[in-house]
Structures are given as structure tokens and as C-alpha cells.
C-alpha atoms as a PDB file:
ATOM      1  CA  MET A   1      25.920 -20.634  49.291  1.00  0.00           C
ATOM      2  CA  PHE A   2      26.150 -22.081  45.568  1.00  0.00           C
ATOM      3  CA  LYS A   3      28.119 -25.572  47.172  1.00  0.00           C
ATOM      4  CA  ARG A   4      25.086 -25.903  49.510  1.00  0.00           C
ATOM      5  CA  PHE A   5      22.648 -25.715  46.462  1.00  0.00           C
ATOM      6  CA  ARG A   6      24.715 -28.338  44.777  1.00  0.00           C
ATOM      7  CA  ARG A   7      24.550 -30.733  47.527  1.00  0.00           C
ATOM      8  CA  LYS A   8      21.143 -31.523  47.172  1.00  0.00           C
ATOM      9  CA  ARG A   9      18.001 -31.520  44.610  1.00  0.00           C
ATOM     10  CA  LEU A  10      17.581 -27.739  43.357  1.00  0.00           C
ATOM     11  CA  ASN A  11      14.035 -26.892  42.938  1.00  0.00           C
ATOM     12  CA  PRO A  12      13.082 -26.682  39.085  1.00  0.00           C
ATOM     13  CA  VAL A  13      12.660 -22.786  39.392  1.00  0.00           C
ATOM     14  CA  LEU A  14      15.815 -22.724  40.607  1.00  0.00           C
ATOM     15  CA  ARG A  15      17.903 -24.395  38.582  1.00  0.00           C
ATOM     16  CA  ASP A  16      16.402 -22.974  35.649  1.00  0.00           C
ATOM     17  CA  LEU A  17      17.656 -19.343  37.111  1.00  0.00           C
ATOM     18  CA  LEU A  18      21.141 -20.599  37.991  1.00  0.00           C
ATOM     19  CA  GLN A  19      21.540 -22.371  34.205  1.00  0.00           C
ATOM     20  CA  GLU A  20      24.548 -20.518  32.703  1.00  0.00           C
ATOM     21  CA  THR A  21      24.126 -21.613  28.972  1.00  0.00           C
ATOM     22  CA  HIS A  22      20.522 -20.596  27.052  1.00  0.00           C
ATOM     23  CA  LEU A  23      19.287 -21.293  23.557  1.00  0.00           C
ATOM     24  CA  SER A  24      16.841 -18.893  22.274  1.00  0.00           C
ATOM     25  CA  VAL A  25      14.840 -19.141  18.087  1.00  0.00           C
ATOM     26  CA  ASN A  26      17.128 -15.553  17.944  1.00  0.00           C
ATOM     27  CA  ASP A  27      20.209 -17.633  17.588  1.00  0.00           C
ATOM     28  CA  PHE A  28      19.191 -19.642  14.631  1.00  0.00           C
ATOM     29  CA  ILE A  29      20.059 -19.356  10.517  1.00  0.00           C
ATOM     30  CA  TYR A  30      17.478 -22.023   8.805  1.00  0.00           C
ATOM     31  CA  PRO A  31      19.362 -23.519   5.228  1.00  0.00           C
ATOM     32  CA  LEU A  32      16.678 -23.039   2.176  1.00  0.00           C
ATOM     33  CA  PHE A  33      17.828 -25.408  -1.074  1.00  0.00           C
ATOM     34  CA  ILE A  34      16.206 -23.567  -3.934  1.00  0.00           C
ATOM     35  CA  LYS A  35      15.907 -25.058  -7.375  1.00  0.00           C
ATOM     36  CA  SER A  36      14.616 -24.116 -10.751  1.00  0.00           C
ATOM     37  CA  GLY A  37      11.253 -24.586 -11.843  1.00  0.00           C
ATOM     38  CA  GLU A  38       7.761 -24.044  -9.985  1.00  0.00           C
ATOM     39  CA  GLY A  39       5.780 -26.604  -7.480  1.00  0.00           C
ATOM     40  CA  ILE A  40       8.865 -28.127  -6.859  1.00  0.00           C
ATOM     41  CA  LYS A  41       9.100 -29.493  -3.042  1.00  0.00           C
ATOM     42  CA  LYS A  42      11.312 -32.365  -3.140  1.00  0.00           C
ATOM     43  CA  GLU A  43      12.364 -34.446   0.452  1.00  0.00           C
ATOM     44  CA  VAL A  44      15.994 -35.369   0.100  1.00  0.00           C
ATOM     45  CA  ASP A  45      16.295 -39.509   1.256  1.00  0.00           C
ATOM     46  CA  SER A  46      19.554 -38.611   2.916  1.00  0.00           C
ATOM     47  CA  MET A  47      17.868 -36.144   5.177  1.00  0.00           C
ATOM     48  CA  PRO A  48      14.348 -36.372   6.553  1.00  0.00           C
ATOM     49  CA  GLY A  49      12.500 -33.170   6.950  1.00  0.00           C
ATOM     50  CA  VAL A  50      14.917 -31.647   4.435  1.00  0.00           C
ATOM     51  CA  PHE A  51      13.586 -30.534   0.696  1.00  0.00           C
ATOM     52  CA  GLN A  52      14.764 -28.959  -2.395  1.00  0.00           C
ATOM     53  CA  MET A  53      11.918 -26.611  -3.118  1.00  0.00           C
ATOM     54  CA  SER A  54      10.857 -24.577  -5.756  1.00  0.00           C
ATOM     55  CA  ILE A  55      10.317 -20.406  -5.036  1.00  0.00           C
ATOM     56  CA  ASP A  56       6.727 -20.612  -5.375  1.00  0.00           C
ATOM     57  CA  GLU A  57       7.293 -23.156  -2.226  1.00  0.00           C
ATOM     58  CA  ILE A  58      10.246 -21.464  -0.648  1.00  0.00           C
ATOM     59  CA  LEU A  59       7.629 -18.269   0.020  1.00  0.00           C
ATOM     60  CA  LYS A  60       4.918 -20.726   1.936  1.00  0.00           C
ATOM     61  CA  GLU A  61       8.181 -22.157   3.598  1.00  0.00           C
ATOM     62  CA  CYS A  62       9.247 -18.620   4.906  1.00  0.00           C
ATOM     63  CA  VAL A  63       5.565 -18.643   6.665  1.00  0.00           C
ATOM     64  CA  VAL A  64       5.827 -21.878   8.583  1.00  0.00           C
ATOM     65  CA  LEU A  65       9.304 -20.541   9.719  1.00  0.00           C
ATOM     66  CA  LYS A  66       7.574 -17.134  11.000  1.00  0.00           C
ATOM     67  CA  GLU A  67       4.819 -18.599  12.552  1.00  0.00           C
ATOM     68  CA  LEU A  68       8.474 -20.517  14.715  1.00  0.00           C
ATOM     69  CA  GLY A  69       9.986 -17.581  15.359  1.00  0.00           C
ATOM     70  CA  ILE A  70      12.430 -17.826  12.430  1.00  0.00           C
ATOM     71  CA  TYR A  71      13.330 -14.955  11.136  1.00  0.00           C
ATOM     72  CA  SER A  72      17.203 -15.382   9.343  1.00  0.00           C
ATOM     73  CA  ILE A  73      17.581 -18.283   6.208  1.00  0.00           C
ATOM     74  CA  ILE A  74      20.477 -18.891   4.228  1.00  0.00           C
ATOM     75  CA  LEU A  75      20.012 -19.896   0.794  1.00  0.00           C
ATOM     76  CA  PHE A  76      21.747 -21.902  -1.599  1.00  0.00           C
ATOM     77  CA  GLY A  77      20.626 -22.104  -5.404  1.00  0.00           C
ATOM     78  CA  ILE A  78      20.634 -25.691  -7.172  1.00  0.00           C
ATOM     79  CA  PRO A  79      20.077 -24.264 -11.062  1.00  0.00           C
ATOM     80  CA  LYS A  80      18.926 -25.781 -14.269  1.00  0.00           C
ATOM     81  CA  VAL A  81      22.215 -25.171 -16.006  1.00  0.00           C
ATOM     82  CA  LYS A  82      25.240 -25.882 -14.457  1.00  0.00           C
ATOM     83  CA  ASP A  83      28.449 -24.802 -16.958  1.00  0.00           C
ATOM     84  CA  SER A  84      32.755 -24.741 -15.481  1.00  0.00           C
ATOM     85  CA  ILE A  85      32.700 -20.722 -14.286  1.00  0.00           C
ATOM     86  CA  GLY A  86      29.140 -21.239 -12.150  1.00  0.00           C
ATOM     87  CA  SER A  87      27.853 -18.790 -14.628  1.00  0.00           C
ATOM     88  CA  ASP A  88      24.073 -18.530 -12.687  1.00  0.00           C
ATOM     89  CA  ALA A  89      25.556 -17.741  -9.873  1.00  0.00           C
ATOM     90  CA  MET A  90      26.480 -14.321 -10.891  1.00  0.00           C
ATOM     91  CA  CYS A  91      23.827 -13.578 -13.573  1.00  0.00           C
ATOM     92  CA  GLU A  92      21.117 -11.180 -11.888  1.00  0.00           C
ATOM     93  CA  HIS A  93      18.186 -13.455 -13.469  1.00  0.00           C
ATOM     94  CA  GLY A  94      19.829 -16.425 -11.885  1.00  0.00           C
ATOM     95  CA  ILE A  95      18.684 -18.735  -9.241  1.00  0.00           C
ATOM     96  CA  ILE A  96      19.900 -16.727  -6.405  1.00  0.00           C
ATOM     97  CA  ALA A  97      19.342 -13.647  -7.463  1.00  0.00           C
ATOM     98  CA  SER A  98      15.598 -14.261  -8.425  1.00  0.00           C
ATOM     99  CA  SER A  99      14.771 -16.307  -5.217  1.00  0.00           C
ATOM    100  CA  ILE A 100      15.995 -12.645  -3.027  1.00  0.00           C
ATOM    101  CA  ARG A 101      13.944 -10.813  -4.938  1.00  0.00           C
ATOM    102  CA  ALA A 102      10.977 -12.978  -4.865  1.00  0.00           C
ATOM    103  CA  ILE A 103      10.951 -13.462  -1.189  1.00  0.00           C
ATOM    104  CA  LYS A 104      11.965 -10.177  -0.164  1.00  0.00           C
ATOM    105  CA  GLU A 105       8.600  -8.935  -2.268  1.00  0.00           C
ATOM    106  CA  VAL A 106       6.978 -10.660  -0.157  1.00  0.00           C
ATOM    107  CA  HIS A 107       8.080 -11.190   3.215  1.00  0.00           C
ATOM    108  CA  PRO A 108      10.810  -8.126   4.404  1.00  0.00           C
ATOM    109  CA  ASP A 109      11.080  -9.216   7.143  1.00  0.00           C
ATOM    110  CA  MET A 110      12.811 -12.094   6.569  1.00  0.00           C
ATOM    111  CA  PHE A 111      16.609 -11.766   6.880  1.00  0.00           C
ATOM    112  CA  VAL A 112      18.312 -13.274   3.988  1.00  0.00           C
ATOM    113  CA  VAL A 113      21.837 -14.684   4.048  1.00  0.00           C
ATOM    114  CA  THR A 114      23.659 -16.219   0.364  1.00  0.00           C
ATOM    115  CA  ASP A 115      25.791 -18.601   0.742  1.00  0.00           C
ATOM    116  CA  LEU A 116      28.614 -17.344  -1.452  1.00  0.00           C
ATOM    117  CA  CYS A 117      29.929 -20.452  -3.754  1.00  0.00           C
ATOM    118  CA  PHE A 118      30.304 -22.073  -6.856  1.00  0.00           C
ATOM    119  CA  CYS A 119      30.314 -25.935  -5.933  1.00  0.00           C
ATOM    120  CA  GLU A 120      26.374 -25.655  -6.756  1.00  0.00           C
ATOM    121  CA  TYR A 121      26.844 -23.913  -9.853  1.00  0.00           C
ATOM    122  CA  THR A 122      29.445 -25.395 -11.637  1.00  0.00           C
ATOM    123  CA  ASP A 123      29.341 -28.705 -13.764  1.00  0.00           C
ATOM    124  CA  HIS A 124      32.790 -30.492 -12.290  1.00  0.00           C
ATOM    125  CA  GLY A 125      31.616 -29.103  -8.594  1.00  0.00           C
ATOM    126  CA  HIS A 126      34.186 -27.267  -7.153  1.00  0.00           C
ATOM    127  CA  CYS A 127      34.144 -24.386  -5.492  1.00  0.00           C
ATOM    128  CA  GLY A 128      35.314 -21.994  -8.772  1.00  0.00           C
ATOM    129  CA  VAL A 129      37.134 -21.863 -12.126  1.00  0.00           C
ATOM    130  CA  LEU A 130      39.426 -24.449 -12.469  1.00  0.00           C
ATOM    131  CA  ASP A 131      43.446 -24.177 -13.111  1.00  0.00           C
ATOM    132  CA  PRO A 132      43.386 -26.625 -16.452  1.00  0.00           C
ATOM    133  CA  VAL A 133      47.385 -27.616 -15.326  1.00  0.00           C
ATOM    134  CA  LEU A 134      46.616 -27.924 -11.690  1.00  0.00           C
ATOM    135  CA  GLU A 135      42.897 -29.440 -11.948  1.00  0.00           C
ATOM    136  CA  THR A 136      42.128 -27.243  -8.408  1.00  0.00           C
ATOM    137  CA  VAL A 137      40.534 -23.959  -8.091  1.00  0.00           C
ATOM    138  CA  ASP A 138      42.102 -21.228  -9.857  1.00  0.00           C
ATOM    139  CA  ASN A 139      42.486 -19.029  -6.133  1.00  0.00           C
ATOM    140  CA  ASP A 140      42.755 -15.783  -7.961  1.00  0.00           C
ATOM    141  CA  ILE A 141      40.347 -15.825 -10.838  1.00  0.00           C
ATOM    142  CA  THR A 142      37.809 -17.306  -8.097  1.00  0.00           C
ATOM    143  CA  LEU A 143      38.737 -14.244  -6.370  1.00  0.00           C
ATOM    144  CA  ASP A 144      37.292 -12.081  -8.745  1.00  0.00           C
ATOM    145  CA  ASN A 145      34.066 -13.994  -9.413  1.00  0.00           C
ATOM    146  CA  LEU A 146      32.797 -13.787  -6.008  1.00  0.00           C
ATOM    147  CA  ALA A 147      32.972 -10.022  -5.844  1.00  0.00           C
ATOM    148  CA  LYS A 148      30.826 -10.223  -8.264  1.00  0.00           C
ATOM    149  CA  GLN A 149      28.535 -12.686  -6.517  1.00  0.00           C
ATOM    150  CA  ALA A 150      28.285 -10.820  -4.135  1.00  0.00           C
ATOM    151  CA  VAL A 151      27.295  -7.726  -5.681  1.00  0.00           C
ATOM    152  CA  ILE A 152      24.508  -9.525  -7.619  1.00  0.00           C
ATOM    153  CA  HIS A 153      23.379 -10.979  -4.678  1.00  0.00           C
ATOM    154  CA  VAL A 154      23.071  -7.533  -2.626  1.00  0.00           C
ATOM    155  CA  LYS A 155      21.688  -5.716  -5.347  1.00  0.00           C
ATOM    156  CA  ALA A 156      18.648  -8.302  -5.428  1.00  0.00           C
ATOM    157  CA  GLY A 157      18.245  -7.595  -1.534  1.00  0.00           C
ATOM    158  CA  ALA A 158      20.324 -10.251   0.277  1.00  0.00           C
ATOM    159  CA  ASP A 159      21.011  -8.506   3.776  1.00  0.00           C
ATOM    160  CA  MET A 160      24.726 -10.653   4.501  1.00  0.00           C
ATOM    161  CA  ILE A 161      27.220 -12.613   2.197  1.00  0.00           C
ATOM    162  CA  ALA A 162      28.420 -15.877   3.633  1.00  0.00           C
ATOM    163  CA  PRO A 163      31.400 -17.224   1.592  1.00  0.00           C
ATOM    164  CA  SER A 164      32.155 -20.265   1.988  1.00  0.00           C
ATOM    165  CA  GLY A 165      34.800 -21.312  -0.674  1.00  0.00           C
ATOM    166  CA  MET A 166      37.510 -21.029   1.672  1.00  0.00           C
ATOM    167  CA  MET A 167      39.770 -19.520  -1.080  1.00  0.00           C
ATOM    168  CA  ASP A 168      42.506 -17.750   0.457  1.00  0.00           C
ATOM    169  CA  GLY A 169      41.881 -13.162   0.329  1.00  0.00           C
ATOM    170  CA  MET A 170      38.175 -14.331  -0.275  1.00  0.00           C
ATOM    171  CA  ILE A 171      37.348 -11.680   2.447  1.00  0.00           C
ATOM    172  CA  SER A 172      39.199  -8.519   1.520  1.00  0.00           C
ATOM    173  CA  SER A 173      38.067  -9.589  -2.457  1.00  0.00           C
ATOM    174  CA  ILE A 174      34.367  -9.563  -1.340  1.00  0.00           C
ATOM    175  CA  ARG A 175      34.478  -6.592   1.135  1.00  0.00           C
ATOM    176  CA  LYS A 176      36.648  -4.253  -1.726  1.00  0.00           C
ATOM    177  CA  GLY A 177      33.524  -5.482  -4.506  1.00  0.00           C
ATOM    178  CA  LEU A 178      30.657  -4.345  -1.987  1.00  0.00           C
ATOM    179  CA  ASP A 179      32.296  -1.130  -1.067  1.00  0.00           C
ATOM    180  CA  LYS A 180      33.001  -0.625  -4.354  1.00  0.00           C
ATOM    181  CA  VAL A 181      29.629  -0.347  -5.017  1.00  0.00           C
ATOM    182  CA  GLY A 182      28.067   1.603  -1.987  1.00  0.00           C
ATOM    183  CA  PHE A 183      27.171  -1.253   0.043  1.00  0.00           C
ATOM    184  CA  SER A 184      29.984  -1.427   2.998  1.00  0.00           C
ATOM    185  CA  HIS A 185      27.171  -1.657   5.324  1.00  0.00           C
ATOM    186  CA  ILE A 186      26.401  -5.107   4.514  1.00  0.00           C
ATOM    187  CA  PRO A 187      28.445  -7.866   6.753  1.00  0.00           C
ATOM    188  CA  ILE A 188      30.548 -10.735   5.883  1.00  0.00           C
ATOM    189  CA  MET A 189      29.587 -13.885   7.723  1.00  0.00           C
ATOM    190  CA  SER A 190      32.911 -16.020   6.573  1.00  0.00           C
ATOM    191  CA  TYR A 191      33.318 -19.514   6.873  1.00  0.00           C
ATOM    192  CA  SER A 192      36.516 -18.824   8.083  1.00  0.00           C
ATOM    193  CA  THR A 193      37.468 -22.183   9.445  1.00  0.00           C
ATOM    194  CA  LYS A 194      35.969 -24.992   7.221  1.00  0.00           C
ATOM    195  CA  PHE A 195      37.422 -28.369   7.546  1.00  0.00           C
ATOM    196  CA  SER A 196      37.662 -30.719   4.645  1.00  0.00           C
ATOM    197  CA  SER A 197      34.887 -33.233   6.090  1.00  0.00           C
ATOM    198  CA  ALA A 198      33.188 -36.673   5.840  1.00  0.00           C
ATOM    199  CA  TYR A 199      30.555 -35.065   7.274  1.00  0.00           C
ATOM    200  CA  TYR A 200      28.976 -33.500   4.605  1.00  0.00           C
ATOM    201  CA  GLY A 201      27.733 -36.789   2.377  1.00  0.00           C
ATOM    202  CA  PRO A 202      24.090 -35.551   2.706  1.00  0.00           C
ATOM    203  CA  PHE A 203      24.663 -32.051   1.571  1.00  0.00           C
ATOM    204  CA  ARG A 204      26.023 -32.974  -1.781  1.00  0.00           C
ATOM    205  CA  ASP A 205      22.669 -35.159  -1.896  1.00  0.00           C
ATOM    206  CA  VAL A 206      20.359 -32.105  -1.618  1.00  0.00           C
ATOM    207  CA  ALA A 207      22.687 -29.162  -2.865  1.00  0.00           C
ATOM    208  CA  GLU A 208      23.666 -31.863  -6.251  1.00  0.00           C
ATOM    209  CA  SER A 209      27.171 -30.259  -5.820  1.00  0.00           C
ATOM    210  CA  SER A 210      29.300 -33.426  -5.124  1.00  0.00           C
ATOM    211  CA  PRO A 211      32.713 -33.089  -7.399  1.00  0.00           C
ATOM    212  CA  SER A 212      32.892 -34.583 -10.644  1.00  0.00           C
ATOM    213  CA  PHE A 213      36.544 -35.768  -9.660  1.00  0.00           C
ATOM    214  CA  GLY A 214      38.946 -35.478  -6.794  1.00  0.00           C
ATOM    215  CA  ASP A 215      37.888 -33.785  -3.537  1.00  0.00           C
ATOM    216  CA  ARG A 216      38.432 -30.122  -2.188  1.00  0.00           C
ATOM    217  CA  ARG A 217      41.208 -30.721   0.376  1.00  0.00           C
ATOM    218  CA  SER A 218      43.471 -28.710  -1.381  1.00  0.00           C
ATOM    219  CA  TYR A 219      40.869 -25.162  -0.120  1.00  0.00           C
ATOM    220  CA  GLN A 220      39.942 -26.910   2.823  1.00  0.00           C
ATOM    221  CA  MET A 221      41.229 -27.202   6.602  1.00  0.00           C
ATOM    222  CA  ASN A 222      42.606 -30.365   7.249  1.00  0.00           C
ATOM    223  CA  PRO A 223      40.613 -31.973  10.335  1.00  0.00           C
ATOM    224  CA  ALA A 224      44.015 -32.592  12.141  1.00  0.00           C
ATOM    225  CA  ASN A 225      44.905 -29.398  12.127  1.00  0.00           C
ATOM    226  CA  ARG A 226      44.107 -27.229  15.407  1.00  0.00           C
ATOM    227  CA  LYS A 227      46.793 -24.417  15.275  1.00  0.00           C
ATOM    228  CA  GLU A 228      45.729 -23.907  11.591  1.00  0.00           C
ATOM    229  CA  ALA A 229      42.315 -23.437  12.139  1.00  0.00           C
ATOM    230  CA  ILE A 230      42.989 -20.668  14.434  1.00  0.00           C
ATOM    231  CA  LEU A 231      45.222 -19.038  12.261  1.00  0.00           C
ATOM    232  CA  GLU A 232      42.131 -19.200   9.154  1.00  0.00           C
ATOM    233  CA  SER A 233      39.833 -17.657  11.417  1.00  0.00           C
ATOM    234  CA  LEU A 234      42.033 -14.344  12.423  1.00  0.00           C
ATOM    235  CA  ALA A 235      43.485 -14.103   8.828  1.00  0.00           C
ATOM    236  CA  ASP A 236      39.573 -13.622   7.956  1.00  0.00           C
ATOM    237  CA  GLU A 237      39.455 -11.646  11.007  1.00  0.00           C
ATOM    238  CA  GLU A 238      42.052  -9.762   9.803  1.00  0.00           C
ATOM    239  CA  GLU A 239      41.112  -9.027   6.080  1.00  0.00           C
ATOM    240  CA  GLY A 240      37.335  -7.281   7.380  1.00  0.00           C
ATOM    241  CA  ALA A 241      34.744 -10.620   8.259  1.00  0.00           C
ATOM    242  CA  ASP A 242      32.272  -9.535  10.698  1.00  0.00           C
ATOM    243  CA  ILE A 243      31.327 -12.543  12.110  1.00  0.00           C
ATOM    244  CA  LEU A 244      33.841 -15.945  12.117  1.00  0.00           C
ATOM    245  CA  MET A 245      32.358 -19.898  11.225  1.00  0.00           C
ATOM    246  CA  VAL A 246      33.937 -23.192  12.210  1.00  0.00           C
ATOM    247  CA  LYS A 247      32.027 -25.819   9.972  1.00  0.00           C
ATOM    248  CA  PRO A 248      31.464 -28.740  10.678  1.00  0.00           C
ATOM    249  CA  ALA A 249      30.455 -28.092  14.468  1.00  0.00           C
ATOM    250  CA  LEU A 250      30.166 -31.262  16.041  1.00  0.00           C
ATOM    251  CA  ALA A 251      33.755 -33.125  15.970  1.00  0.00           C
ATOM    252  CA  TYR A 252      35.360 -29.186  16.093  1.00  0.00           C
ATOM    253  CA  LEU A 253      33.965 -27.917  19.451  1.00  0.00           C
ATOM    254  CA  ASP A 254      37.792 -27.606  20.717  1.00  0.00           C
ATOM    255  CA  ILE A 255      38.196 -25.117  17.908  1.00  0.00           C
ATOM    256  CA  VAL A 256      35.175 -23.322  18.396  1.00  0.00           C
ATOM    257  CA  ARG A 257      36.659 -22.862  21.826  1.00  0.00           C
ATOM    258  CA  ASP A 258      39.806 -21.899  20.525  1.00  0.00           C
ATOM    259  CA  ILE A 259      38.391 -19.568  18.282  1.00  0.00           C
ATOM    260  CA  LYS A 260      36.039 -17.778  20.590  1.00  0.00           C
ATOM    261  CA  GLU A 261      38.754 -17.077  22.845  1.00  0.00           C
ATOM    262  CA  ASN A 262      41.540 -15.550  20.321  1.00  0.00           C
ATOM    263  CA  SER A 263      38.900 -13.285  18.535  1.00  0.00           C
ATOM    264  CA  SER A 264      35.856 -10.781  19.753  1.00  0.00           C
ATOM    265  CA  LEU A 265      33.906 -11.069  16.812  1.00  0.00           C
ATOM    266  CA  PRO A 266      30.672 -12.938  16.746  1.00  0.00           C
ATOM    267  CA  LEU A 267      30.990 -16.687  15.853  1.00  0.00           C
ATOM    268  CA  ALA A 268      28.693 -19.135  13.682  1.00  0.00           C
ATOM    269  CA  VAL A 269      29.088 -23.011  13.645  1.00  0.00           C
ATOM    270  CA  TYR A 270      27.121 -24.689  11.185  1.00  0.00           C
ATOM    271  CA  ASN A 271      25.751 -27.977  12.222  1.00  0.00           C
ATOM    272  CA  VAL A 272      25.837 -29.675   8.935  1.00  0.00           C
ATOM    273  CA  SER A 273      23.870 -32.700   7.057  1.00  0.00           C
ATOM    274  CA  GLY A 274      25.932 -35.831   8.373  1.00  0.00           C
ATOM    275  CA  GLU A 275      25.541 -34.335  12.156  1.00  0.00           C
ATOM    276  CA  TYR A 276      21.337 -33.529  11.282  1.00  0.00           C
ATOM    277  CA  SER A 277      21.217 -37.071   9.345  1.00  0.00           C
ATOM    278  CA  MET A 278      23.270 -38.657  11.947  1.00  0.00           C
ATOM    279  CA  LEU A 279      20.800 -37.995  14.912  1.00  0.00           C
ATOM    280  CA  LYS A 280      17.561 -38.038  12.402  1.00  0.00           C
ATOM    281  CA  MET A 281      18.203 -41.743  11.653  1.00  0.00           C
ATOM    282  CA  ALA A 282      19.428 -42.946  15.115  1.00  0.00           C
ATOM    283  CA  GLY A 283      16.431 -41.369  16.538  1.00  0.00           C
ATOM    284  CA  GLU A 284      13.978 -43.066  14.048  1.00  0.00           C
ATOM    285  CA  ALA A 285      16.035 -46.499  14.852  1.00  0.00           C
ATOM    286  CA  GLY A 286      15.039 -46.112  18.724  1.00  0.00           C
ATOM    287  CA  VAL A 287      18.563 -45.896  20.192  1.00  0.00           C
ATOM    288  CA  ILE A 288      18.720 -42.443  20.892  1.00  0.00           C
ATOM    289  CA  ASP A 289      15.504 -40.006  22.500  1.00  0.00           C
ATOM    290  CA  TYR A 290      16.093 -37.445  19.597  1.00  0.00           C
ATOM    291  CA  GLU A 291      14.544 -34.740  20.651  1.00  0.00           C
ATOM    292  CA  LYS A 292      16.240 -34.674  24.017  1.00  0.00           C
ATOM    293  CA  VAL A 293      20.037 -35.277  22.092  1.00  0.00           C
ATOM    294  CA  MET A 294      18.797 -32.587  19.534  1.00  0.00           C
ATOM    295  CA  MET A 295      18.698 -29.988  22.496  1.00  0.00           C
ATOM    296  CA  GLU A 296      21.824 -31.266  24.171  1.00  0.00           C
ATOM    297  CA  THR A 297      23.774 -30.563  21.181  1.00  0.00           C
ATOM    298  CA  MET A 298      22.648 -27.303  20.783  1.00  0.00           C
ATOM    299  CA  ILE A 299      23.446 -26.611  23.990  1.00  0.00           C
ATOM    300  CA  GLY A 300      27.139 -28.044  23.753  1.00  0.00           C
ATOM    301  CA  PHE A 301      27.273 -25.293  20.675  1.00  0.00           C
ATOM    302  CA  LYS A 302      26.629 -22.590  22.595  1.00  0.00           C
ATOM    303  CA  ARG A 303      28.424 -23.346  26.009  1.00  0.00           C
ATOM    304  CA  ALA A 304      31.737 -23.862  23.425  1.00  0.00           C
ATOM    305  CA  GLY A 305      31.303 -20.431  21.892  1.00  0.00           C
ATOM    306  CA  ALA A 306      28.510 -20.246  19.275  1.00  0.00           C
ATOM    307  CA  ASP A 307      26.635 -17.089  18.794  1.00  0.00           C
ATOM    308  CA  ILE A 308      24.530 -17.888  16.301  1.00  0.00           C
ATOM    309  CA  ILE A 309      23.695 -21.719  15.191  1.00  0.00           C
ATOM    310  CA  ILE A 310      23.105 -22.679  11.012  1.00  0.00           C
ATOM    311  CA  SER A 311      20.834 -25.740  11.668  1.00  0.00           C
ATOM    312  CA  TYR A 312      18.443 -28.143   9.935  1.00  0.00           C
ATOM    313  CA  HIS A 313      17.066 -29.014  12.967  1.00  0.00           C
ATOM    314  CA  ALA A 314      16.042 -24.870  13.973  1.00  0.00           C
ATOM    315  CA  LYS A 315      12.311 -25.667  13.048  1.00  0.00           C
ATOM    316  CA  GLU A 316      11.770 -28.305  15.578  1.00  0.00           C
ATOM    317  CA  VAL A 317      14.150 -26.450  18.694  1.00  0.00           C
ATOM    318  CA  ALA A 318      11.694 -23.753  17.754  1.00  0.00           C
ATOM    319  CA  GLU A 319       8.943 -25.947  18.287  1.00  0.00           C
ATOM    320  CA  LEU A 320      10.216 -27.641  21.576  1.00  0.00           C
ATOM    321  CA  LEU A 321      11.452 -23.829  23.065  1.00  0.00           C
END
């Protein structure tokens, strides 16, 4: 019967009934960038429609998000002072801990996820404490600091932790740290397969997190490695991750499908800054139908196997849905 339907134009209602992949506003987590200060709402030149905001402006933004049906956010901090170890990230009065408490006080119904890393908080822009000899991240010291950071965030009210530094053993360390102080119920959404990608460029503008030297290839994934990408996510599942993630999304949909077929855990994708900006600027230039390409891209993420989409497009998608 279905073969007959395909031979002629379907009634629009029937077409929708037979659609295999669907988008919902509930699929999305919206990133927010919080900067120390007051009255700050600064648009990022490389990411039209994305802002650095102070806590008071973030509280207003949460009202807008809830009106659109978006109740899940992920927070990134831009502290006033950075140092070699990212102390602000491990301080109960730091930018993220303070933001969580403020959001939860005014908007207790928001589901608050925190990005767990140090690149936004260190003066060198790398994702942890540096080994002075090798001039790369000291994995083991950084693991201890990630556990401290996670506990600070959860005590402030975070609902989920999302470690993004790609440190070996980070999930195990964070899980042990949370469990030790009674937070065994807090889920961990791991950036389990995070590639060393050129698509991150605009993010480093908004998060002010560009490395002062070198790059992050020593601890992020080689874009050429498919099998290793799968193993990285499966290793985090083994350590206790509750949700896996592929970042970036658009150029790595084969990896999304591979991981989906090899793991039963929920899977997120991060629709990163470069992907967002390309669509935005192509739309502004008139070379694509921006809304149609945006929605087609989101469907592509879901069709490949994503259960959750972290995206700067989330507000626009919600308006269209």
C-alpha cells in the first residue's frame, strides 16, 4: 500500500502522518554566555543574535525562553579575572555558581546544565592546569579540579553537569566526586566525542577562550578518526556517563549514527558556533532560504540519531515550531 502512495502526490495530512522524524521544542538546550558585571547585553559580531550577558540580563532572557517553551539551558562563564588554574570555576562565588543561584531563585523551573571546563577561566585558554615541561594540559591534576568544579556547580543548584574538556578519565573522576558528597542523582552529559575542529572559531569570540599559544589537538579528537571517535564515547559510557555527545554536529553525522548504533544511552549533538554563523551569514547574503535550511539541518541531526540538540538556533526553531 505504501508503495502506491509514493507514486502520487500525498495529501498534506497523510504526508505528516507518515513523516518518520519529528522536531520538538523539548529537543533543545539553549547556550547562554554570562559575563561579570551588570546591564551587559553585548552582541557577538561573528554570531549574529548571540550575546554576552550579565546575570541580570540572563534572568530576563530566561523569561523569553520560557515564553517560547524552552526550559533547558547550558551556561558558559566569562569571569572578570582569569588565572593559570581557572580558580573562578572552582569558587562558590564565581560567575557560574552565582549565576546558577540567581537563575534558580527567580526561575526554579529552568533546567540548568553547566559546561564543565577551564578554557574560559584560564589566562592561557587551555582546558586545565598546564604541565610546565610539556606545555599541554596535565590530565590528572585537571581531573581533580573538574570534580571540585562539578561539586561547586551542583551545590549552587545545577541540574546536570556537562564536562567538555576531553580529559582521560574525567567521567569517572566527576562521578566519584559527586557521589562522595551525596549527589549521585545528578546526571552527567559528557562531551564524549569532541573533535579538534575549525568550526569552533566564533565560540572563542563569545566565550573569550582562545588559547594564548598552541592548540587543543593533544586532548581533542582527530577529525579523521572514526573508530577512535566511537571508542571515546563508549569509554565514557563505561565510566558512568548518562548522556553522550558529538561535537561538532554537521560534519560528523556519520559519527552520530555510529555511536547511536553502538550505545543505548541518550545522545546529544552540539550544533556549534561555526555551523550557526555559516547559516546566519549565508541567509543574510541571500544565498539560502535561511529558515528552511535551518529546519532541514535540525531534522538531519534528529534523523542521524540525536535525542538532544544544543543549538544557538533554538529560539528561532521554537518560533517556527
